[in-house]
Amino acid sequence: MNDARPVGDSDLLDVRIVRKAFRSASGARADVLHDVAFTLGHGEVGAFVGPSGCGKTTMLRIVAGLDPEFDGAVTRPSGAIGMVFQEPRLLPWRTLEDNVRLIAPAIDETTLAALFDTLGLSTHRGHFPAELSLGLARRVALARAFAVAPRLLILDEPFASLDHPLAVRLRDELAMLVDRRPVTTLLVTHDLDEAVRLADRLFLLSARPARILAAMPIPQPRGARSEEVVASLTAAIARQQRALE
């Protein structure tokens, strides 16, 4: 049994997943998540890092309200949820601008133009998804998520399958958007360096059934994390991750 509800005008995200399990066709039970509990406040970015197949995407689906079949409770901020999936999921028969306006029909031109400008999409507004590179398509997915003025932003491996230079550019653009428009943000990634650069708090997940092995605050503001600081934090967390496995 679960309880998922908004919390008035608060931007608090409170997650208590006691257990999430699936039933196979044979009726066997497979546990996916076990005792995953955390809270994120307004403007806070929480990043979850864990092995492939541990249940990170399942956790995000529960937090977003897409999977109600779990034991526990989720309290989400009231208002819109912006979500970026592993694939851009754009409608191929709609232009870039139409794909965004379909999700956020009330957005005004000034706000939309500023968002497109930040993400380097201004000259592509009339293009169709088939005319876009994967990097541009992922930028459209980010634009779509921010266009709804989300109170909760959920990111599922948003830079997966991109080459490193492009992933770095998109990561920096995401950091800029989050800093300009503070929003409670939940990110899952397999990339520890990416998590250290984006998160205010980092959570290490175990193998399936996933549980939180450690929760670590990252005290330096994103803009103040030098390459040396990032490298030091990443190395220290990787050592802790290996010790906990």
Protein backbone atom coordinates (compact mmCIF):
# COMPACT_ATOMS: atom_id res chain seq x y z
CA MET A 1 0.00 0.00 0.00
CA ASN A 2 1.31 3.48 -0.80
CA ASP A 3 0.43 7.09 -0.18
CA ALA A 4 1.46 9.73 -2.72
CA ARG A 5 0.33 13.30 -2.23
CA PRO A 6 1.38 16.92 -2.75
CA VAL A 7 2.27 18.99 0.29
CA GLY A 8 0.41 22.26 -0.19
CA ASP A 9 2.73 25.05 -1.32
CA SER A 10 5.89 23.36 -0.08
CA ASP A 11 8.70 22.32 -2.42
CA LEU A 12 9.68 19.44 -0.16
CA LEU A 13 10.15 16.01 -1.71
CA ASP A 14 9.89 13.25 0.88
CA VAL A 15 10.30 9.66 -0.32
CA ARG A 16 9.79 6.53 1.78
CA ILE A 17 9.85 3.38 -0.34
CA VAL A 18 9.66 0.42 2.01
CA ARG A 19 9.62 -2.15 -0.79
CA LYS A 20 9.06 -2.38 -4.50
CA ALA A 21 8.78 -5.80 -6.13
CA PHE A 22 7.70 -7.28 -9.44
CA ARG A 23 5.99 -10.57 -10.14
CA SER A 24 7.30 -12.67 -13.01
CA ALA A 25 5.03 -14.61 -15.36
CA SER A 26 5.68 -17.68 -13.20
CA GLY A 27 4.55 -15.80 -10.08
CA ALA A 28 8.01 -15.48 -8.55
CA ARG A 29 8.63 -12.26 -6.61
CA ALA A 30 11.68 -10.14 -7.46
CA ASP A 31 12.53 -7.31 -5.05
CA VAL A 32 13.79 -4.14 -6.77
CA LEU A 33 13.91 -1.47 -4.03
CA HIS A 34 14.16 -1.89 -0.27
CA ASP A 35 14.05 0.85 2.40
CA VAL A 36 14.88 3.78 0.13
CA ALA A 37 14.18 6.93 2.16
CA PHE A 38 15.32 10.51 1.55
CA THR A 39 14.16 14.12 1.58
CA LEU A 40 15.08 17.00 -0.74
CA GLY A 41 14.27 20.65 -0.09
CA HIS A 42 13.49 23.55 -2.41
CA GLY A 43 16.25 24.14 -4.94
CA GLU A 44 18.22 21.12 -3.81
CA VAL A 45 19.69 18.73 -6.38
CA GLY A 46 19.94 15.11 -5.26
CA ALA A 47 21.90 12.68 -7.44
CA PHE A 48 21.62 8.90 -7.18
CA VAL A 49 24.51 6.77 -8.40
CA GLY A 50 24.26 2.99 -8.61
CA PRO A 51 25.09 -0.01 -10.75
CA SER A 52 23.23 -0.72 -13.96
CA GLY A 53 19.91 -2.47 -13.38
CA CYS A 54 19.75 -1.71 -9.67
CA GLY A 55 16.35 0.00 -9.87
CA LYS A 56 17.18 3.69 -10.39
CA THR A 57 14.60 4.21 -13.14
CA THR A 58 11.97 2.31 -11.15
CA MET A 59 12.58 4.68 -8.24
CA LEU A 60 12.09 7.70 -10.51
CA ARG A 61 8.84 6.29 -11.88
CA ILE A 62 7.57 5.90 -8.31
CA VAL A 63 8.61 9.45 -7.38
CA ALA A 64 6.92 10.83 -10.51
CA GLY A 65 3.70 8.99 -9.71
CA LEU A 66 3.93 6.73 -12.77
CA ASP A 67 4.15 3.54 -10.69
CA PRO A 68 1.73 3.38 -7.74
CA GLU A 69 2.40 -0.28 -6.94
CA PHE A 70 4.85 -0.05 -4.04
CA ASP A 71 4.90 -0.16 -0.25
CA GLY A 72 5.60 3.24 1.24
CA ALA A 73 4.75 6.91 0.72
CA VAL A 74 5.88 9.79 -1.48
CA THR A 75 5.15 13.44 -0.71
CA ARG A 76 5.82 15.63 -3.73
CA PRO A 77 5.84 19.41 -4.19
CA SER A 78 2.54 20.74 -5.44
CA GLY A 79 2.56 21.90 -9.04
CA ALA A 80 4.09 20.70 -12.27
CA ILE A 81 6.64 17.92 -12.65
CA GLY A 82 9.28 18.22 -15.37
CA MET A 83 10.80 14.91 -16.48
CA VAL A 84 13.66 14.09 -18.82
CA PHE A 85 13.79 10.45 -19.86
CA GLN A 86 16.75 8.43 -21.12
CA GLU A 87 15.41 9.00 -24.65
CA PRO A 88 14.19 12.45 -25.82
CA ARG A 89 10.75 11.06 -26.80
CA LEU A 90 9.88 13.85 -29.22
CA LEU A 91 6.87 13.66 -31.53
CA PRO A 92 8.38 13.27 -35.02
CA TRP A 93 5.53 15.06 -36.81
CA ARG A 94 5.86 18.18 -34.63
CA THR A 95 8.49 20.90 -34.87
CA LEU A 96 10.89 21.60 -32.02
CA GLU A 97 8.74 24.54 -30.89
CA ASP A 98 5.51 22.56 -31.18
CA ASN A 99 6.98 19.74 -29.09
CA VAL A 100 7.64 22.23 -26.31
CA ARG A 101 4.37 24.17 -26.64
CA LEU A 102 2.38 20.93 -26.59
CA ILE A 103 3.64 20.33 -23.04
CA ALA A 104 3.48 23.99 -21.97
CA PRO A 105 0.70 25.66 -24.02
CA ALA A 106 0.50 28.66 -21.68
CA ILE A 107 4.18 29.63 -21.90
CA ASP A 108 4.69 33.20 -23.12
CA GLU A 109 6.98 34.07 -26.01
CA THR A 110 9.53 35.96 -23.87
CA THR A 111 10.02 33.03 -21.51
CA LEU A 112 10.17 30.51 -24.35
CA ALA A 113 12.67 32.59 -26.34
CA ALA A 114 14.92 32.97 -23.29
CA LEU A 115 14.80 29.22 -22.65
CA PHE A 116 15.63 28.41 -26.27
CA ASP A 117 18.48 30.93 -26.18
CA THR A 118 19.98 29.41 -23.03
CA LEU A 119 19.92 25.95 -24.60
CA GLY A 120 21.18 27.06 -28.01
CA LEU A 121 17.91 26.16 -29.77
CA SER A 122 16.81 29.55 -31.15
CA THR A 123 17.73 28.78 -34.75
CA HIS A 124 16.07 25.35 -34.67
CA ARG A 125 12.54 26.28 -33.62
CA GLY A 126 10.99 25.20 -36.92
CA HIS A 127 13.00 22.01 -37.33
CA PHE A 128 11.52 18.53 -36.95
CA PRO A 129 13.10 15.88 -34.69
CA ALA A 130 14.50 13.94 -37.67
CA GLU A 131 16.53 17.05 -38.57
CA LEU A 132 18.12 17.26 -35.11
CA SER A 133 21.25 15.59 -33.80
CA LEU A 134 20.91 13.55 -30.61
CA GLY A 135 22.50 16.40 -28.65
CA LEU A 136 19.96 18.91 -29.96
CA ALA A 137 17.11 16.48 -29.27
CA ARG A 138 18.28 16.16 -25.67
CA ARG A 139 18.31 19.97 -25.40
CA VAL A 140 14.70 20.00 -26.58
CA ALA A 141 13.86 17.46 -23.87
CA LEU A 142 15.42 19.78 -21.29
CA ALA A 143 13.52 22.76 -22.72
CA ARG A 144 10.27 20.81 -22.52
CA ALA A 145 10.92 19.95 -18.86
CA PHE A 146 11.71 23.54 -17.85
CA ALA A 147 8.93 25.09 -19.96
CA VAL A 148 6.27 23.88 -17.51
CA ALA A 149 7.95 25.84 -14.66
CA PRO A 150 8.33 22.62 -12.64
CA ARG A 151 8.26 22.45 -8.88
CA LEU A 152 9.90 19.03 -9.19
CA LEU A 153 12.44 18.11 -11.88
CA ILE A 154 13.25 14.43 -12.53
CA LEU A 155 16.19 13.45 -14.73
CA ASP A 156 16.82 9.87 -15.85
CA GLU A 157 20.35 9.58 -17.28
CA PRO A 158 19.78 12.76 -19.33
CA PHE A 159 23.20 12.63 -21.04
CA ALA A 160 23.40 8.90 -21.74
CA SER A 161 24.99 7.83 -25.05
CA LEU A 162 26.41 11.29 -25.78
CA ASP A 163 30.10 11.82 -26.48
CA HIS A 164 32.00 13.37 -23.59
CA PRO A 165 32.41 16.95 -24.91
CA LEU A 166 28.71 17.21 -25.74
CA ALA A 167 27.68 15.68 -22.41
CA VAL A 168 29.85 18.26 -20.64
CA ARG A 169 28.20 21.13 -22.55
CA LEU A 170 24.69 19.89 -21.79
CA ARG A 171 25.58 19.27 -18.14
CA ASP A 172 26.81 22.85 -17.82
CA GLU A 173 23.64 24.16 -19.48
CA LEU A 174 21.53 22.12 -17.06
CA ALA A 175 23.50 23.49 -14.10
CA MET A 176 22.89 27.01 -15.41
CA LEU A 177 19.14 26.44 -15.69
CA VAL A 178 18.88 24.91 -12.20
CA ASP A 179 20.85 27.80 -10.69
CA ARG A 180 18.71 30.39 -12.49
CA ARG A 181 15.40 28.68 -11.70
CA PRO A 182 15.86 26.84 -8.38
CA VAL A 183 13.75 23.69 -8.42
CA THR A 184 13.74 20.53 -6.35
CA THR A 185 15.69 18.15 -8.60
CA LEU A 186 16.23 14.39 -8.60
CA LEU A 187 18.87 12.97 -10.95
CA VAL A 188 19.98 9.39 -11.52
CA THR A 189 23.22 8.63 -13.31
CA HIS A 190 25.93 6.00 -13.57
CA ASP A 191 28.56 8.77 -13.91
CA LEU A 192 30.06 9.71 -10.53
CA ASP A 193 31.89 12.74 -11.94
CA GLU A 194 28.62 14.04 -13.40
CA ALA A 195 26.86 13.57 -10.06
CA VAL A 196 29.59 15.41 -8.14
CA ARG A 197 29.43 18.36 -10.53
CA LEU A 198 25.63 18.71 -10.43
CA ALA A 199 24.43 17.58 -7.00
CA ASP A 200 24.02 19.25 -3.64
CA ARG A 201 23.66 15.79 -2.12
CA LEU A 202 24.80 12.49 -3.54
CA PHE A 203 23.30 9.09 -2.72
CA LEU A 204 25.04 5.78 -3.39
CA LEU A 205 22.77 2.87 -4.21
CA SER A 206 23.50 -0.83 -3.79
CA ALA A 207 22.88 -3.56 -6.33
CA ARG A 208 19.33 -4.89 -6.59
CA PRO A 209 17.33 -4.78 -4.44
CA ALA A 210 18.60 -1.24 -4.25
CA ARG A 211 19.01 0.47 -0.92
CA ILE A 212 20.86 3.67 0.02
CA LEU A 213 24.40 2.79 1.10
CA ALA A 214 25.45 6.36 1.89
CA ALA A 215 24.17 9.94 1.60
CA MET A 216 26.82 12.65 1.24
CA PRO A 217 26.37 16.42 1.12
CA ILE A 218 28.58 18.37 -1.29
CA PRO A 219 29.17 21.64 0.55
CA GLN A 220 30.74 23.74 -2.21
CA PRO A 221 28.30 25.59 -4.50
CA ARG A 222 28.31 24.25 -8.06
CA GLY A 223 30.00 27.37 -9.41
CA ALA A 224 32.80 27.12 -6.84
CA ARG A 225 33.82 23.54 -7.61
CA SER A 226 37.17 23.72 -9.32
CA GLU A 227 38.53 20.80 -11.34
CA GLU A 228 40.77 19.96 -8.38
CA VAL A 229 37.81 19.95 -5.97
CA VAL A 230 35.72 17.79 -8.29
CA ALA A 231 38.58 15.32 -8.81
CA SER A 232 39.23 15.09 -5.06
CA LEU A 233 35.54 14.59 -4.21
CA THR A 234 35.05 12.04 -6.98
CA ALA A 235 38.08 10.01 -5.86
CA ALA A 236 37.00 10.08 -2.20
CA ILE A 237 33.42 9.02 -3.01
CA ALA A 238 34.65 6.27 -5.36
CA ARG A 239 36.79 4.88 -2.54
CA GLN A 240 33.81 4.94 -0.21
CA GLN A 241 31.65 3.31 -2.87
CA ARG A 242 34.12 0.43 -3.27
CA ALA A 243 34.34 0.00 0.50
CA LEU A 244 30.56 -0.26 0.80
CA GLU A 245 30.03 -2.72 -2.03
